[in-house]
Amino acid sequence: MKKISGAIILLLTVALCLGQPVQLTADSQPASSNVRVAEYPRVTSDLRAMFRIKVPDAGKVQIQLGKTYDMVKNDQGFWTVTTDPQVAGFHYYFLIIDGVQVSDPASESYFGYGKMTSGIEIPEKGVDYYTIKNVPHGDLRSKWYFSNITGKWRRAYIYCPPGYDNNINEKYPVLYLQHGMGEDERGWGIQGKVDIILDNLIADGKAKPMLIVMDQGYAEKPVNKSALQSGSGLDVKNDYRGVLVDSVAFNKRVRLLWIGIGTAEPAGLYKAVNGFHKSLLEAGIRHVYYESPGTAHEWLTWRRDLYDFAPRLFR
C-alpha cells in the first residue's frame, strides 16, 4: 500500500469532520478568499469558479456572480456549479437558497453593496504587485475619533509605511483615499490590498513612503456633479466654482489631476468619465487619464488605479 502524506491525511480528516466528501480537481485551486480549510469555491486554470455547498433540504440553490447560475443537486445533498470564465480580480457573490440571498459560509466576509457579502479572488496571471512579498512591510491601523460635524464616533484606517515607528521625527506626506458607494473604510485595506500595493511600490523605489488615511465616506457635503452626469461634458465657466476657466493658472497651481476608468465599466459611466477627460483636453487642463483594460466597476480597476496613481505623488 502506498504511503499517504501527512498533508493529505489532514485534509481528509478535516473534510470528514465537516461531513463533506473530498473531490479535488487537479486543474483547480481553492480561492485565496476562502476561509481556512474550505476547498470550495475553487478557481480553474481558465479562471472558472467552482462552487459546492451542502443544503439537502433546499428546493433550489443558485450562485449570483455577475449573472445567476443554477446549481445542481446530487444524491448526497451537495449542490454544485461551475461558472463561465471570470475576469481576474476580486468579485462579490451571493448564494440564493430558495429565493433568499445569503452569504457563503466558505468565503471570508466583505462589506459591499451596503452589507456583508461573500467574495472570490480570481488570480491575475503574470501580475504580483498586490501579492505579499519578502519586502519591508508597513502597518494597517484603525483609529476611532469623535466627529463634531456628524456628532458621531467614526473610524479611520491608516496605512503607515515600513519604518514609521522607528523614524519618529520624520514627516510623511498623506494621501486621503476614499472607498466607493456601498463600501466603507475597510474596503481599501481588505478588498483593495492597499498596504501590500504600497509596500511593494516603496520597496521597488517607485513610490514615496506615505501615510494613507481611509475614512468612512458618508458625511460629505453636496458638490456640483453635473460634469459627470450622462456624458454631459464640462461647463468650464460654472463647474467646480469656475476654477477651470483659466487653464494656465490652474495648471500652475495643480500639480496632478488624475482620472481613471475601467474600459468595461457600464456604458453610461464610461462615456461620462471619458467625456470629462475629453472636455479637459479641450479646455487645456493638464491631467493624467488612465484606462484599466477589460475591467468594470470593481476592485481590480481600483487596484490598478492606485498602482498607477501612487508613484506620481509627492515628487
Protein backbone atom coordinates (compact mmCIF):
# COMPACT_ATOMS: atom_id res chain seq x y z
CA MET A 1 0.00 0.00 0.00
CA LYS A 2 1.38 3.42 -0.96
CA LYS A 3 2.15 5.93 1.76
CA ILE A 4 -0.15 8.92 2.16
CA SER A 5 1.46 12.20 3.15
CA GLY A 6 0.56 13.93 6.41
CA ALA A 7 -0.93 16.85 4.46
CA ILE A 8 -3.37 14.54 2.63
CA ILE A 9 -4.30 12.78 5.89
CA LEU A 10 -5.01 16.16 7.49
CA LEU A 11 -7.13 17.22 4.53
CA LEU A 12 -9.13 14.01 4.64
CA THR A 13 -9.67 14.35 8.39
CA VAL A 14 -10.89 17.95 8.10
CA ALA A 15 -13.22 17.11 5.22
CA LEU A 16 -14.71 14.14 7.04
CA CYS A 17 -15.25 16.25 10.16
CA LEU A 18 -17.14 18.76 8.05
CA GLY A 19 -19.22 15.96 6.56
CA GLN A 20 -18.05 16.70 3.02
CA PRO A 21 -16.62 14.15 0.59
CA VAL A 22 -13.23 15.09 -0.84
CA GLN A 23 -13.48 15.58 -4.60
CA LEU A 24 -10.43 17.61 -5.57
CA THR A 25 -9.91 18.74 -9.13
CA ALA A 26 -6.31 18.72 -10.35
CA ASP A 27 -6.93 21.68 -12.66
CA SER A 28 -8.20 23.95 -9.88
CA GLN A 29 -7.17 25.52 -6.59
CA PRO A 30 -9.13 26.83 -3.59
CA ALA A 31 -9.74 30.57 -3.88
CA SER A 32 -7.40 32.64 -1.73
CA SER A 33 -10.51 34.41 -0.38
CA ASN A 34 -11.84 31.23 1.24
CA VAL A 35 -11.94 30.68 4.97
CA ARG A 36 -9.30 28.25 6.20
CA VAL A 37 -9.68 24.57 5.18
CA ALA A 38 -12.51 25.38 2.74
CA GLU A 39 -11.85 23.57 -0.54
CA TYR A 40 -14.63 25.43 -2.36
CA PRO A 41 -15.03 27.81 -4.09
CA ARG A 42 -12.22 26.73 -6.41
CA VAL A 43 -10.71 28.50 -9.42
CA THR A 44 -9.71 26.58 -12.53
CA SER A 45 -6.73 27.33 -14.76
CA ASP A 46 -9.05 29.05 -17.26
CA LEU A 47 -10.50 31.20 -14.44
CA ARG A 48 -13.84 29.49 -13.98
CA ALA A 49 -15.23 29.44 -10.44
CA MET A 50 -16.40 26.11 -9.00
CA PHE A 51 -18.90 26.15 -6.13
CA ARG A 52 -20.21 23.38 -3.87
CA ILE A 53 -22.40 23.60 -0.78
CA LYS A 54 -24.47 21.10 1.16
CA VAL A 55 -28.11 22.15 1.56
CA PRO A 56 -30.04 18.84 1.45
CA ASP A 57 -33.48 20.27 2.18
CA ALA A 58 -33.35 23.16 -0.31
CA GLY A 59 -35.52 23.13 -3.40
CA LYS A 60 -33.36 25.47 -5.46
CA VAL A 61 -29.86 26.86 -4.95
CA GLN A 62 -28.12 29.42 -7.14
CA ILE A 63 -24.88 31.41 -7.26
CA GLN A 64 -25.03 35.10 -8.14
CA LEU A 65 -21.62 36.07 -9.55
CA GLY A 66 -22.12 38.70 -12.19
CA LYS A 67 -25.02 36.66 -13.51
CA THR A 68 -27.08 33.99 -11.75
CA TYR A 69 -26.14 30.32 -12.14
CA ASP A 70 -28.43 27.42 -11.21
CA MET A 71 -26.70 24.77 -9.10
CA VAL A 72 -27.28 21.02 -9.48
CA LYS A 73 -28.01 18.75 -6.51
CA ASN A 74 -26.60 15.22 -6.10
CA ASP A 75 -27.99 12.34 -4.02
CA GLN A 76 -25.86 13.39 -1.00
CA GLY A 77 -27.42 16.85 -0.81
CA PHE A 78 -24.47 18.71 -2.34
CA TRP A 79 -25.21 21.48 -4.83
CA THR A 80 -22.52 22.25 -7.43
CA VAL A 81 -21.93 24.54 -10.38
CA THR A 82 -19.01 25.77 -12.48
CA THR A 83 -19.28 29.29 -13.89
CA ASP A 84 -18.13 30.84 -17.13
CA PRO A 85 -14.53 32.16 -17.17
CA GLN A 86 -14.29 35.20 -14.89
CA VAL A 87 -12.39 38.45 -15.25
CA ALA A 88 -9.34 38.41 -12.97
CA GLY A 89 -9.61 40.30 -9.69
CA PHE A 90 -11.92 40.43 -6.69
CA HIS A 91 -15.67 39.88 -7.10
CA TYR A 92 -18.58 39.89 -4.66
CA TYR A 93 -21.02 37.00 -4.92
CA PHE A 94 -24.06 35.55 -3.14
CA LEU A 95 -25.78 32.24 -2.58
CA ILE A 96 -29.51 32.24 -3.30
CA ILE A 97 -31.29 29.46 -1.42
CA ASP A 98 -34.97 29.09 -2.24
CA GLY A 99 -35.08 32.74 -3.23
CA VAL A 100 -33.23 34.07 -0.17
CA GLN A 101 -29.89 35.82 -0.79
CA VAL A 102 -27.28 34.74 1.78
CA SER A 103 -23.51 34.71 2.23
CA ASP A 104 -21.41 31.63 1.56
CA PRO A 105 -20.00 30.26 4.86
CA ALA A 106 -16.91 29.05 2.96
CA SER A 107 -15.96 32.61 1.98
CA GLU A 108 -14.46 35.38 4.04
CA SER A 109 -16.93 38.22 4.58
CA TYR A 110 -16.56 41.65 2.97
CA PHE A 111 -18.59 44.83 3.28
CA GLY A 112 -20.03 45.66 -0.14
CA TYR A 113 -23.43 46.61 -1.55
CA GLY A 114 -24.13 48.12 1.87
CA LYS A 115 -24.00 44.74 3.65
CA MET A 116 -21.69 41.85 4.44
CA THR A 117 -21.13 39.71 1.36
CA SER A 118 -19.08 36.79 0.09
CA GLY A 119 -16.15 37.44 -2.23
CA ILE A 120 -13.89 35.47 -4.53
CA GLU A 121 -10.39 36.35 -5.68
CA ILE A 122 -9.72 35.34 -9.29
CA PRO A 123 -5.92 35.31 -9.81
CA GLU A 124 -4.42 37.66 -12.38
CA LYS A 125 -1.73 35.82 -14.30
CA GLY A 126 1.70 37.43 -14.55
CA VAL A 127 0.91 40.18 -12.03
CA ASP A 128 2.30 40.37 -8.49
CA TYR A 129 2.10 44.00 -7.37
CA TYR A 130 -0.70 43.15 -4.90
CA THR A 131 0.94 39.88 -3.78
CA ILE A 132 2.73 39.70 -0.41
CA LYS A 133 6.50 39.58 -0.96
CA ASN A 134 9.61 39.37 1.18
CA VAL A 135 9.98 43.15 1.50
CA PRO A 136 9.70 45.55 4.45
CA HIS A 137 6.04 45.81 5.46
CA GLY A 138 4.09 48.71 6.87
CA ASP A 139 1.05 48.55 9.13
CA LEU A 140 -2.66 48.98 8.61
CA ARG A 141 -4.12 50.56 11.76
CA SER A 142 -7.56 51.71 12.85
CA LYS A 143 -8.38 54.83 14.86
CA TRP A 144 -11.66 55.84 16.50
CA TYR A 145 -12.39 59.56 16.77
CA PHE A 146 -15.39 61.76 17.52
CA SER A 147 -16.64 64.00 14.69
CA ASN A 148 -18.12 67.34 15.71
CA ILE A 149 -19.63 67.62 12.22
CA THR A 150 -21.64 64.39 12.32
CA GLY A 151 -21.94 64.21 16.10
CA LYS A 152 -20.91 60.57 15.99
CA TRP A 153 -17.91 58.35 16.57
CA ARG A 154 -16.12 57.46 13.37
CA ARG A 155 -13.33 55.06 12.49
CA ALA A 156 -10.45 55.68 10.11
CA TYR A 157 -7.96 53.17 8.79
CA ILE A 158 -4.39 54.37 8.35
CA TYR A 159 -1.57 52.82 6.34
CA CYS A 160 1.80 53.54 7.96
CA PRO A 161 4.81 52.80 5.72
CA PRO A 162 7.71 50.50 6.74
CA GLY A 163 9.89 52.03 9.45
CA TYR A 164 7.26 54.56 10.52
CA ASP A 165 7.59 53.86 14.26
CA ASN A 166 11.39 53.94 14.11
CA ASN A 167 11.52 57.36 12.45
CA ILE A 168 9.53 59.43 14.96
CA ASN A 169 10.99 62.75 13.79
CA GLU A 170 10.31 62.21 10.11
CA LYS A 171 7.33 63.90 8.48
CA TYR A 172 5.37 61.93 5.92
CA PRO A 173 3.03 63.17 3.18
CA VAL A 174 -0.57 62.00 3.44
CA LEU A 175 -2.93 60.55 0.83
CA TYR A 176 -6.62 60.58 1.76
CA LEU A 177 -8.17 57.61 -0.04
CA GLN A 178 -11.93 57.10 -0.13
CA HIS A 179 -13.97 53.98 -0.82
CA GLY A 180 -16.86 53.67 -3.24
CA MET A 181 -20.61 53.66 -2.73
CA GLY A 182 -21.89 50.68 -0.76
CA GLU A 183 -18.49 50.07 0.85
CA ASP A 184 -16.76 51.59 3.87
CA GLU A 185 -13.40 52.50 5.37
CA ARG A 186 -12.36 48.83 5.44
CA GLY A 187 -12.60 48.40 1.67
CA TRP A 188 -9.20 49.64 0.56
CA GLY A 189 -7.39 47.68 3.25
CA ILE A 190 -9.23 44.38 2.75
CA GLN A 191 -10.56 44.22 -0.81
CA GLY A 192 -8.14 46.78 -2.25
CA LYS A 193 -4.93 45.43 -0.65
CA VAL A 194 -3.63 48.98 -0.27
CA ASP A 195 -0.92 48.05 2.22
CA ILE A 196 0.51 45.31 0.01
CA ILE A 197 0.49 47.54 -3.08
CA LEU A 198 2.29 50.36 -1.24
CA ASP A 199 4.76 48.02 0.45
CA ASN A 200 5.78 46.68 -2.95
CA LEU A 201 5.90 50.09 -4.64
CA ILE A 202 8.02 51.57 -1.85
CA ALA A 203 10.37 48.55 -1.82
CA ASP A 204 10.88 48.95 -5.59
CA GLY A 205 11.60 52.67 -5.20
CA LYS A 206 8.54 53.51 -7.31
CA ALA A 207 6.58 55.39 -4.63
CA LYS A 208 7.47 57.73 -1.80
CA PRO A 209 6.79 56.46 1.73
CA MET A 210 3.47 58.00 2.70
CA LEU A 211 0.62 57.78 5.15
CA ILE A 212 -2.75 56.78 3.67
CA VAL A 213 -5.90 57.70 5.57
CA MET A 214 -9.08 55.81 4.67
CA ASP A 215 -12.20 57.15 6.33
CA GLN A 216 -15.90 56.48 6.07
CA GLY A 217 -17.20 58.43 3.10
CA TYR A 218 -20.79 59.09 4.14
CA ALA A 219 -20.55 62.54 5.69
CA GLU A 220 -19.60 64.64 2.70
CA LYS A 221 -21.28 67.87 1.67
CA PRO A 222 -23.14 68.08 -1.67
CA VAL A 223 -20.95 69.04 -4.63
CA ASN A 224 -21.63 70.01 -8.22
CA LYS A 225 -21.68 66.71 -10.11
CA SER A 226 -23.04 67.99 -13.41
CA ALA A 227 -19.75 67.37 -15.21
CA LEU A 228 -20.02 63.62 -14.52
CA GLN A 229 -23.82 63.02 -15.29
CA SER A 230 -24.93 61.04 -18.56
CA GLY A 231 -21.76 62.23 -20.58
CA SER A 232 -22.81 65.94 -20.41
CA GLY A 233 -19.22 67.13 -20.61
CA LEU A 234 -17.70 70.05 -18.77
CA ASP A 235 -19.02 73.55 -18.24
CA VAL A 236 -15.72 75.40 -17.74
CA LYS A 237 -17.34 78.60 -16.50
CA ASN A 238 -19.69 77.11 -13.92
CA ASP A 239 -18.47 73.65 -12.86
CA TYR A 240 -16.23 73.43 -9.80
CA ARG A 241 -16.83 77.11 -9.00
CA GLY A 242 -15.06 78.24 -12.12
CA VAL A 243 -11.57 77.08 -11.14
CA LEU A 244 -11.08 75.69 -14.66
CA VAL A 245 -11.77 78.96 -16.51
CA ASP A 246 -8.11 79.98 -16.56
CA SER A 247 -6.28 76.84 -17.69
CA VAL A 248 -2.85 78.47 -17.41
CA ALA A 249 -3.43 79.45 -13.78
CA PHE A 250 -4.95 76.06 -12.99
CA ASN A 251 -2.01 74.18 -14.49
CA LYS A 252 0.42 76.24 -12.44
CA ARG A 253 -1.43 75.65 -9.17
CA VAL A 254 -2.37 71.97 -9.51
CA ARG A 255 0.50 69.52 -9.66
CA LEU A 256 -1.56 66.45 -10.54
CA LEU A 257 -5.13 65.92 -11.75
CA TRP A 258 -5.64 62.18 -12.27
CA ILE A 259 -8.66 60.37 -13.72
CA GLY A 260 -9.13 56.61 -14.06
CA ILE A 261 -11.81 54.33 -15.52
CA GLY A 262 -12.23 50.67 -16.50
CA THR A 263 -12.85 50.01 -20.19
CA ALA A 264 -15.66 47.57 -19.30
CA GLU A 265 -17.49 49.99 -16.99
CA PRO A 266 -21.23 50.43 -17.63
CA ALA A 267 -21.61 52.35 -20.89
CA GLY A 268 -23.07 55.46 -19.29
CA LEU A 269 -20.34 55.74 -16.67
CA TYR A 270 -17.53 55.13 -19.16
CA LYS A 271 -19.00 57.73 -21.53
CA ALA A 272 -19.27 60.26 -18.71
CA VAL A 273 -15.70 59.88 -17.45
CA ASN A 274 -14.21 59.65 -20.93
CA GLY A 275 -16.24 62.70 -21.95
CA PHE A 276 -14.97 64.58 -18.91
CA HIS A 277 -11.40 63.70 -19.95
CA LYS A 278 -12.01 65.00 -23.50
CA SER A 279 -13.53 68.20 -22.14
CA LEU A 280 -10.45 68.79 -20.01
CA LEU A 281 -8.27 68.33 -23.10
CA GLU A 282 -10.34 70.88 -24.99
CA ALA A 283 -10.10 73.31 -22.07
CA GLY A 284 -6.32 72.95 -21.93
CA ILE A 285 -6.36 71.44 -18.43
CA ARG A 286 -3.28 69.28 -17.87
CA HIS A 287 -4.18 65.89 -16.40
CA VAL A 288 -3.46 62.16 -16.45
CA TYR A 289 -6.09 59.83 -17.87
CA TYR A 290 -5.77 56.09 -17.21
CA GLU A 291 -7.91 53.23 -18.52
CA SER A 292 -7.86 49.79 -16.89
CA PRO A 293 -8.19 47.30 -19.76
CA GLY A 294 -11.04 44.81 -19.59
CA THR A 295 -12.28 45.63 -16.08
CA ALA A 296 -15.53 47.19 -14.91
CA HIS A 297 -16.66 48.90 -11.70
CA GLU A 298 -14.64 46.55 -9.49
CA TRP A 299 -11.63 46.28 -7.22
CA LEU A 300 -9.11 45.27 -9.86
CA THR A 301 -9.83 48.54 -11.67
CA TRP A 302 -9.13 50.43 -8.46
CA ARG A 303 -6.03 48.39 -7.55
CA ARG A 304 -4.64 49.22 -10.98
CA ASP A 305 -5.63 52.85 -10.45
CA LEU A 306 -3.70 53.04 -7.18
CA TYR A 307 -0.69 51.28 -8.72
CA ASP A 308 -0.57 53.96 -11.43
CA PHE A 309 -1.51 56.89 -9.19
CA ALA A 310 0.63 56.43 -6.06
CA PRO A 311 4.04 56.65 -7.81
CA ARG A 312 3.06 60.06 -9.21
CA LEU A 313 2.52 61.61 -5.77
CA PHE A 314 4.80 63.83 -3.68
CA ARG A 315 7.53 64.04 -6.33
